[in-house]
C-alpha atoms as a PDB file:
ATOM      1  CA  UNK A   1      78.074  88.253 114.125  1.00  0.00           C
ATOM      2  CA  UNK A   2      80.202  88.842 117.174  1.00  0.00           C
ATOM      3  CA  UNK A   3      78.329  89.704 120.546  1.00  0.00           C
ATOM      4  CA  UNK A   4      78.878  92.734 122.587  1.00  0.00           C
ATOM      5  CA  UNK A   5      80.770  90.665 125.110  1.00  0.00           C
ATOM      6  CA  UNK A   6      83.263  89.629 122.238  1.00  0.00           C
ATOM      7  CA  UNK A   7      83.447  92.997 120.560  1.00  0.00           C
ATOM      8  CA  UNK A   8      84.482  95.111 123.577  1.00  0.00           C
ATOM      9  CA  UNK A   9      87.679  92.869 124.582  1.00  0.00           C
ATOM     10  CA  UNK A  10      88.579  92.704 120.928  1.00  0.00           C
ATOM     11  CA  UNK A  11      88.678  96.525 120.563  1.00  0.00           C
ATOM     12  CA  UNK A  12      90.812  96.735 123.774  1.00  0.00           C
ATOM     13  CA  UNK A  13      93.231  94.163 122.242  1.00  0.00           C
ATOM     14  CA  UNK A  14      93.387  96.053 118.989  1.00  0.00           C
ATOM     15  CA  UNK A  15      94.318  99.307 120.829  1.00  0.00           C
ATOM     16  CA  UNK A  16      96.790  97.441 123.099  1.00  0.00           C
ATOM     17  CA  UNK A  17      98.483  96.068 119.899  1.00  0.00           C
ATOM     18  CA  UNK A  18      98.545  99.457 118.158  1.00  0.00           C
ATOM     19  CA  UNK A  19     100.006 101.399 121.157  1.00  0.00           C
ATOM     20  CA  UNK A  20     103.745 100.359 120.436  1.00  0.00           C
ATOM     21  CA  UNK A  21     103.297 101.111 116.707  1.00  0.00           C
ATOM     22  CA  UNK A  22     101.969 104.730 117.262  1.00  0.00           C
ATOM     23  CA  UNK A  23     104.713 105.290 119.808  1.00  0.00           C
ATOM     24  CA  UNK A  24     107.608 104.070 117.585  1.00  0.00           C
ATOM     25  CA  UNK A  25     109.534 106.409 115.401  1.00  0.00           C
ATOM     26  CA  UNK A  26     109.264 106.249 111.717  1.00  0.00           C
ATOM     27  CA  UNK A  27     112.590 104.651 111.206  1.00  0.00           C
ATOM     28  CA  UNK A  28     111.728 101.971 113.856  1.00  0.00           C
ATOM     29  CA  UNK A  29     108.423 101.139 112.229  1.00  0.00           C
ATOM     30  CA  UNK A  30     110.158 100.980 108.919  1.00  0.00           C
ATOM     31  CA  UNK A  31     112.781  98.531 110.192  1.00  0.00           C
ATOM     32  CA  UNK A  32     110.127  96.354 111.828  1.00  0.00           C
ATOM     33  CA  UNK A  33     108.359  95.687 108.501  1.00  0.00           C
ATOM     34  CA  UNK A  34     109.365  92.529 106.710  1.00  0.00           C
ATOM     35  CA  UNK A  35     111.184  94.291 103.887  1.00  0.00           C
ATOM     36  CA  UNK A  36     112.471  97.246 106.140  1.00  0.00           C
ATOM     37  CA  UNK A  37     116.022  96.448 106.056  1.00  0.00           C
ATOM     38  CA  UNK A  38     116.051  96.207 102.244  1.00  0.00           C
ATOM     39  CA  UNK A  39     114.627  99.682 101.781  1.00  0.00           C
ATOM     40  CA  UNK A  40     116.944 102.558 100.677  1.00  0.00           C
ATOM     41  CA  UNK A  41     117.673 105.067 103.297  1.00  0.00           C
ATOM     42  CA  UNK A  42     116.716 108.683 102.913  1.00  0.00           C
ATOM     43  CA  UNK A  43     119.073 110.578 100.387  1.00  0.00           C
ATOM     44  CA  UNK A  44     120.914 107.289  99.207  1.00  0.00           C
ATOM     45  CA  UNK A  45     118.800 106.975  96.075  1.00  0.00           C
ATOM     46  CA  UNK A  46     118.470 109.342  93.144  1.00  0.00           C
ATOM     47  CA  UNK A  47     115.124 110.795  91.987  1.00  0.00           C
ATOM     48  CA  UNK A  48     113.189 109.831  95.032  1.00  0.00           C
END
């Protein structure tokens, strides 16, 4: 079990790491994912 002294900085670090992801546009987030460049662009595939 983590102590209070460990939990508080961990929460701050998580928020700090999530900040750029929340600020990024949908397209930027998609391209940052490992398979992002392989995904089809909107309107380029049929039936989706």
